[in-house]
Amino acid sequence: MEIAVAKEYTRNRIHPKKFALLVACASILMMFAAFSSAYIVRQAAGNWLEFSMPSLFYVNTLVIVLSSITLHASYISFKRGNANLYKGLLVITLLLGFAFLVLQYQAWQQMVAIGIELTTNPSGSFVYVISGAHAAHILGGVAALLIALIHAFMLKYEVTAGRKLRFELTLIYWHFVDFLWIYILLFFTLQS
């Protein structure tokens, strides 16, 4: 009887790499919560310039949500044995990740064009720092996507436990940065 319980417990445990990734995501989330708190405290102190968020931030939201959808569809295709669709959707996801970064830079350029530079006012500085920290995390996700793409095209296609785990880790992280961007944009929009 004890052996069955032990096997059941082992079977339901989370993989240590997934646990480590979730702890890292929680840490990142805490950092952005601290940024949000500092934003609110500093905004209440006065000398705060009100401005509209760049329109490209909203376009970027569509891009990153679409990239999460394509990555998830790629994962499903990977598990179902559709190698071509899996690889194609993975390429599209990577391109959307790069598009997000390019659009983010262009959004910052929109801010500069309306006179909101990094050091103009604390309100602009917070937007640059928070969205820039998020962009840095997107770069980490793009690196993971590049590795997934190398595996997709350089290794013989087969669904192994190791490859499935690597893909799941990439998927979890990418969905996390997607969720994080939606939170950031909602926070900025509601605080304006």
C-alpha atoms as a PDB file:
ATOM      1  CA  MET A   1       0.000   0.000   0.000  1.00  0.00           C
ATOM      2  CA  GLU A   2       2.793   2.429   0.832  1.00  0.00           C
ATOM      3  CA  ILE A   3       4.496   1.790  -2.510  1.00  0.00           C
ATOM      4  CA  ALA A   4       1.385   2.826  -4.444  1.00  0.00           C
ATOM      5  CA  VAL A   5       1.178   6.063  -2.481  1.00  0.00           C
ATOM      6  CA  ALA A   6       4.846   6.805  -3.115  1.00  0.00           C
ATOM      7  CA  LYS A   7       4.454   6.207  -6.866  1.00  0.00           C
ATOM      8  CA  GLU A   8       1.358   8.392  -6.973  1.00  0.00           C
ATOM      9  CA  TYR A   9       3.225  11.197  -5.209  1.00  0.00           C
ATOM     10  CA  THR A  10       6.201  10.888  -7.561  1.00  0.00           C
ATOM     11  CA  ARG A  11       3.979  10.899 -10.621  1.00  0.00           C
ATOM     12  CA  ASN A  12       2.195  14.106  -9.570  1.00  0.00           C
ATOM     13  CA  ARG A  13       5.291  16.110  -8.655  1.00  0.00           C
ATOM     14  CA  ILE A  14       6.256  19.081 -10.777  1.00  0.00           C
ATOM     15  CA  HIS A  15       9.493  18.739 -12.704  1.00  0.00           C
ATOM     16  CA  PRO A  16      12.351  20.591 -10.912  1.00  0.00           C
ATOM     17  CA  LYS A  17      13.090  22.690 -14.017  1.00  0.00           C
ATOM     18  CA  LYS A  18       9.457  23.777 -14.253  1.00  0.00           C
ATOM     19  CA  PHE A  19       9.474  24.584 -10.551  1.00  0.00           C
ATOM     20  CA  ALA A  20      12.640  26.677 -10.976  1.00  0.00           C
ATOM     21  CA  LEU A  21      11.074  28.516 -13.927  1.00  0.00           C
ATOM     22  CA  LEU A  22       7.912  29.233 -11.944  1.00  0.00           C
ATOM     23  CA  VAL A  23       9.995  30.565  -9.044  1.00  0.00           C
ATOM     24  CA  ALA A  24      11.897  32.789 -11.503  1.00  0.00           C
ATOM     25  CA  CYS A  25       8.602  34.022 -12.972  1.00  0.00           C
ATOM     26  CA  ALA A  26       7.319  34.784  -9.467  1.00  0.00           C
ATOM     27  CA  SER A  27      10.501  36.765  -8.770  1.00  0.00           C
ATOM     28  CA  ILE A  28      10.101  38.723 -12.002  1.00  0.00           C
ATOM     29  CA  LEU A  29       6.462  39.374 -11.133  1.00  0.00           C
ATOM     30  CA  MET A  30       7.530  40.727  -7.738  1.00  0.00           C
ATOM     31  CA  MET A  31       9.995  43.054  -9.444  1.00  0.00           C
ATOM     32  CA  PHE A  32       7.231  44.456 -11.649  1.00  0.00           C
ATOM     33  CA  ALA A  33       4.931  44.742  -8.631  1.00  0.00           C
ATOM     34  CA  ALA A  34       7.658  46.821  -6.963  1.00  0.00           C
ATOM     35  CA  PHE A  35       7.919  48.991 -10.095  1.00  0.00           C
ATOM     36  CA  SER A  36       4.136  49.460 -10.018  1.00  0.00           C
ATOM     37  CA  SER A  37       4.194  50.395  -6.358  1.00  0.00           C
ATOM     38  CA  ALA A  38       7.024  52.881  -6.886  1.00  0.00           C
ATOM     39  CA  TYR A  39       5.119  54.368  -9.833  1.00  0.00           C
ATOM     40  CA  ILE A  40       2.001  54.913  -7.705  1.00  0.00           C
ATOM     41  CA  VAL A  41       3.966  56.413  -4.792  1.00  0.00           C
ATOM     42  CA  ARG A  42       5.958  58.742  -7.058  1.00  0.00           C
ATOM     43  CA  GLN A  43       2.855  59.785  -8.988  1.00  0.00           C
ATOM     44  CA  ALA A  44       1.211  60.883  -5.724  1.00  0.00           C
ATOM     45  CA  ALA A  45       4.245  63.026  -4.856  1.00  0.00           C
ATOM     46  CA  GLY A  46       3.445  65.527  -7.611  1.00  0.00           C
ATOM     47  CA  ASN A  47       5.453  66.967 -10.537  1.00  0.00           C
ATOM     48  CA  TRP A  48       3.868  64.279 -12.715  1.00  0.00           C
ATOM     49  CA  LEU A  49       3.377  64.824 -16.429  1.00  0.00           C
ATOM     50  CA  GLU A  50       0.214  63.242 -17.831  1.00  0.00           C
ATOM     51  CA  PHE A  51       0.466  61.883 -21.383  1.00  0.00           C
ATOM     52  CA  SER A  52      -1.193  59.242 -23.522  1.00  0.00           C
ATOM     53  CA  MET A  53       0.537  55.933 -24.018  1.00  0.00           C
ATOM     54  CA  PRO A  54       2.021  55.484 -27.493  1.00  0.00           C
ATOM     55  CA  SER A  55      -0.457  53.818 -29.845  1.00  0.00           C
ATOM     56  CA  LEU A  56       2.166  51.224 -30.736  1.00  0.00           C
ATOM     57  CA  PHE A  57       1.937  49.833 -27.194  1.00  0.00           C
ATOM     58  CA  TYR A  58      -1.574  48.651 -28.097  1.00  0.00           C
ATOM     59  CA  VAL A  59      -0.422  47.230 -31.428  1.00  0.00           C
ATOM     60  CA  ASN A  60       2.351  45.449 -29.536  1.00  0.00           C
ATOM     61  CA  THR A  61      -0.247  43.826 -27.311  1.00  0.00           C
ATOM     62  CA  LEU A  62      -1.861  42.264 -30.354  1.00  0.00           C
ATOM     63  CA  VAL A  63       1.556  41.097 -31.594  1.00  0.00           C
ATOM     64  CA  ILE A  64       2.526  39.414 -28.342  1.00  0.00           C
ATOM     65  CA  VAL A  65      -0.884  37.767 -27.848  1.00  0.00           C
ATOM     66  CA  LEU A  66      -0.702  36.455 -31.413  1.00  0.00           C
ATOM     67  CA  SER A  67       2.815  35.139 -30.730  1.00  0.00           C
ATOM     68  CA  SER A  68       1.526  33.224 -27.687  1.00  0.00           C
ATOM     69  CA  ILE A  69      -1.220  31.696 -29.824  1.00  0.00           C
ATOM     70  CA  THR A  70       1.215  30.638 -32.565  1.00  0.00           C
ATOM     71  CA  LEU A  71       3.655  29.193 -30.033  1.00  0.00           C
ATOM     72  CA  HIS A  72       0.904  27.226 -28.323  1.00  0.00           C
ATOM     73  CA  ALA A  73      -0.320  25.925 -31.689  1.00  0.00           C
ATOM     74  CA  SER A  74       3.279  24.971 -32.508  1.00  0.00           C
ATOM     75  CA  TYR A  75       3.503  22.996 -29.262  1.00  0.00           C
ATOM     76  CA  ILE A  76       0.261  21.168 -30.023  1.00  0.00           C
ATOM     77  CA  SER A  77       1.524  20.380 -33.537  1.00  0.00           C
ATOM     78  CA  PHE A  78       4.803  19.138 -32.054  1.00  0.00           C
ATOM     79  CA  LYS A  79       2.964  16.729 -29.747  1.00  0.00           C
ATOM     80  CA  ARG A  80       0.606  15.530 -32.511  1.00  0.00           C
ATOM     81  CA  GLY A  81       3.417  14.736 -34.927  1.00  0.00           C
ATOM     82  CA  ASN A  82       2.830  17.491 -37.471  1.00  0.00           C
ATOM     83  CA  ALA A  83       6.483  18.464 -37.918  1.00  0.00           C
ATOM     84  CA  ASN A  84       5.995  21.002 -40.716  1.00  0.00           C
ATOM     85  CA  LEU A  85       3.271  22.946 -38.932  1.00  0.00           C
ATOM     86  CA  TYR A  86       5.255  22.818 -35.679  1.00  0.00           C
ATOM     87  CA  LYS A  87       8.338  24.284 -37.373  1.00  0.00           C
ATOM     88  CA  GLY A  88       6.404  26.879 -39.383  1.00  0.00           C
ATOM     89  CA  LEU A  89       4.513  28.177 -36.363  1.00  0.00           C
ATOM     90  CA  LEU A  90       7.732  28.300 -34.375  1.00  0.00           C
ATOM     91  CA  VAL A  91       9.300  30.500 -37.080  1.00  0.00           C
ATOM     92  CA  ILE A  92       6.235  32.774 -37.040  1.00  0.00           C
ATOM     93  CA  THR A  93       6.437  33.039 -33.244  1.00  0.00           C
ATOM     94  CA  LEU A  94      10.096  34.062 -33.416  1.00  0.00           C
ATOM     95  CA  LEU A  95       9.320  36.688 -36.071  1.00  0.00           C
ATOM     96  CA  LEU A  96       6.507  38.049 -33.894  1.00  0.00           C
ATOM     97  CA  GLY A  97       8.933  38.201 -30.948  1.00  0.00           C
ATOM     98  CA  PHE A  98      11.332  40.281 -33.040  1.00  0.00           C
ATOM     99  CA  ALA A  99       8.397  42.407 -34.247  1.00  0.00           C
ATOM    100  CA  PHE A 100       7.460  43.110 -30.626  1.00  0.00           C
ATOM    101  CA  LEU A 101      10.971  44.409 -29.906  1.00  0.00           C
ATOM    102  CA  VAL A 102      11.029  46.587 -33.040  1.00  0.00           C
ATOM    103  CA  LEU A 103       7.594  48.002 -32.260  1.00  0.00           C
ATOM    104  CA  GLN A 104       8.665  48.645 -28.673  1.00  0.00           C
ATOM    105  CA  TYR A 105      11.592  50.716 -29.906  1.00  0.00           C
ATOM    106  CA  GLN A 106       9.282  52.587 -32.280  1.00  0.00           C
ATOM    107  CA  ALA A 107       6.867  53.249 -29.403  1.00  0.00           C
ATOM    108  CA  TRP A 108       9.724  54.795 -27.446  1.00  0.00           C
ATOM    109  CA  GLN A 109      10.459  56.920 -30.511  1.00  0.00           C
ATOM    110  CA  GLN A 110       6.810  58.051 -30.461  1.00  0.00           C
ATOM    111  CA  MET A 111       7.335  59.161 -26.872  1.00  0.00           C
ATOM    112  CA  VAL A 112      10.446  61.115 -27.832  1.00  0.00           C
ATOM    113  CA  ALA A 113       8.515  62.742 -30.689  1.00  0.00           C
ATOM    114  CA  ILE A 114       5.941  64.161 -28.242  1.00  0.00           C
ATOM    115  CA  GLY A 115       8.684  65.414 -25.928  1.00  0.00           C
ATOM    116  CA  ILE A 116       8.731  62.579 -23.386  1.00  0.00           C
ATOM    117  CA  GLU A 117      12.355  61.546 -23.058  1.00  0.00           C
ATOM    118  CA  LEU A 118      13.945  59.318 -20.450  1.00  0.00           C
ATOM    119  CA  THR A 119      14.936  62.249 -18.218  1.00  0.00           C
ATOM    120  CA  THR A 120      12.147  64.728 -19.048  1.00  0.00           C
ATOM    121  CA  ASN A 121       9.826  63.807 -16.188  1.00  0.00           C
ATOM    122  CA  PRO A 122       9.517  60.932 -13.706  1.00  0.00           C
ATOM    123  CA  SER A 123       6.304  59.791 -15.420  1.00  0.00           C
ATOM    124  CA  GLY A 124       8.133  59.187 -18.698  1.00  0.00           C
ATOM    125  CA  SER A 125      11.113  57.677 -16.929  1.00  0.00           C
ATOM    126  CA  PHE A 126       8.893  55.057 -15.295  1.00  0.00           C
ATOM    127  CA  VAL A 127       7.355  54.122 -18.643  1.00  0.00           C
ATOM    128  CA  TYR A 128      10.791  53.705 -20.212  1.00  0.00           C
ATOM    129  CA  VAL A 129      12.182  51.707 -17.277  1.00  0.00           C
ATOM    130  CA  ILE A 130       9.183  49.392 -16.882  1.00  0.00           C
ATOM    131  CA  SER A 131       8.662  48.755 -20.591  1.00  0.00           C
ATOM    132  CA  GLY A 132      12.441  48.458 -21.060  1.00  0.00           C
ATOM    133  CA  ALA A 133      12.715  45.859 -18.294  1.00  0.00           C
ATOM    134  CA  HIS A 134       9.919  43.942 -19.988  1.00  0.00           C
ATOM    135  CA  ALA A 135      11.707  44.185 -23.351  1.00  0.00           C
ATOM    136  CA  ALA A 136      14.809  42.696 -21.695  1.00  0.00           C
ATOM    137  CA  HIS A 137      12.703  39.725 -20.594  1.00  0.00           C
ATOM    138  CA  ILE A 138      11.330  39.421 -24.131  1.00  0.00           C
ATOM    139  CA  LEU A 139      14.954  39.191 -25.324  1.00  0.00           C
ATOM    140  CA  GLY A 140      15.392  36.224 -22.992  1.00  0.00           C
ATOM    141  CA  GLY A 141      12.290  34.650 -24.502  1.00  0.00           C
ATOM    142  CA  VAL A 142      13.572  35.286 -28.029  1.00  0.00           C
ATOM    143  CA  ALA A 143      16.802  33.503 -27.086  1.00  0.00           C
ATOM    144  CA  ALA A 144      14.757  30.516 -25.859  1.00  0.00           C
ATOM    145  CA  LEU A 145      12.771  30.587 -29.114  1.00  0.00           C
ATOM    146  CA  LEU A 146      16.004  30.605 -31.120  1.00  0.00           C
ATOM    147  CA  ILE A 147      17.201  27.511 -29.259  1.00  0.00           C
ATOM    148  CA  ALA A 148      13.819  25.842 -29.856  1.00  0.00           C
ATOM    149  CA  LEU A 149      14.133  26.699 -33.550  1.00  0.00           C
ATOM    150  CA  ILE A 150      17.639  25.231 -33.734  1.00  0.00           C
ATOM    151  CA  HIS A 151      16.319  22.034 -32.139  1.00  0.00           C
ATOM    152  CA  ALA A 152      13.395  21.974 -34.568  1.00  0.00           C
ATOM    153  CA  PHE A 153      15.544  22.239 -37.688  1.00  0.00           C
ATOM    154  CA  MET A 154      18.829  20.632 -36.657  1.00  0.00           C
ATOM    155  CA  LEU A 155      17.651  17.590 -34.710  1.00  0.00           C
ATOM    156  CA  LYS A 156      15.711  14.674 -36.124  1.00  0.00           C
ATOM    157  CA  TYR A 157      12.015  15.198 -35.380  1.00  0.00           C
ATOM    158  CA  GLU A 158      10.872  13.061 -32.493  1.00  0.00           C
ATOM    159  CA  VAL A 159       8.772  13.726 -29.437  1.00  0.00           C
ATOM    160  CA  THR A 160      10.979  12.800 -26.495  1.00  0.00           C
ATOM    161  CA  ALA A 161      10.464  13.626 -22.839  1.00  0.00           C
ATOM    162  CA  GLY A 162      13.472  15.968 -22.884  1.00  0.00           C
ATOM    163  CA  ARG A 163      12.397  17.890 -25.983  1.00  0.00           C
ATOM    164  CA  LYS A 164       8.826  18.104 -24.732  1.00  0.00           C
ATOM    165  CA  LEU A 165      10.046  19.509 -21.417  1.00  0.00           C
ATOM    166  CA  ARG A 166      12.248  22.115 -23.142  1.00  0.00           C
ATOM    167  CA  PHE A 167       9.328  23.176 -25.310  1.00  0.00           C
ATOM    168  CA  GLU A 168       7.026  23.397 -22.278  1.00  0.00           C
ATOM    169  CA  LEU A 169       9.550  25.577 -20.451  1.00  0.00           C
ATOM    170  CA  THR A 170       9.746  27.914 -23.450  1.00  0.00           C
ATOM    171  CA  LEU A 171       5.951  27.952 -23.679  1.00  0.00           C
ATOM    172  CA  ILE A 172       5.471  28.748 -19.995  1.00  0.00           C
ATOM    173  CA  TYR A 173       7.988  31.585 -20.100  1.00  0.00           C
ATOM    174  CA  TRP A 174       6.564  33.070 -23.307  1.00  0.00           C
ATOM    175  CA  HIS A 175       3.004  32.985 -21.967  1.00  0.00           C
ATOM    176  CA  PHE A 176       4.312  34.606 -18.785  1.00  0.00           C
ATOM    177  CA  VAL A 177       5.921  37.565 -20.604  1.00  0.00           C
ATOM    178  CA  ASP A 178       2.718  37.885 -22.647  1.00  0.00           C
ATOM    179  CA  PHE A 179       0.652  38.100 -19.453  1.00  0.00           C
ATOM    180  CA  LEU A 180       3.206  40.511 -17.983  1.00  0.00           C
ATOM    181  CA  TRP A 181       2.905  42.883 -20.955  1.00  0.00           C
ATOM    182  CA  ILE A 182      -0.888  42.895 -20.711  1.00  0.00           C
ATOM    183  CA  TYR A 183      -0.576  43.720 -17.002  1.00  0.00           C
ATOM    184  CA  ILE A 184       1.901  46.547 -17.719  1.00  0.00           C
ATOM    185  CA  LEU A 185      -0.254  48.100 -20.424  1.00  0.00           C
ATOM    186  CA  LEU A 186      -3.401  47.892 -18.277  1.00  0.00           C
ATOM    187  CA  PHE A 187      -1.501  49.411 -15.369  1.00  0.00           C
ATOM    188  CA  PHE A 188      -0.230  52.322 -17.487  1.00  0.00           C
ATOM    189  CA  THR A 189      -3.665  52.864 -19.058  1.00  0.00           C
ATOM    190  CA  LEU A 190      -5.503  52.856 -15.742  1.00  0.00           C
ATOM    191  CA  GLN A 191      -2.929  55.165 -14.090  1.00  0.00           C
ATOM    192  CA  SER A 192      -3.077  57.788 -16.865  1.00  0.00           C
END
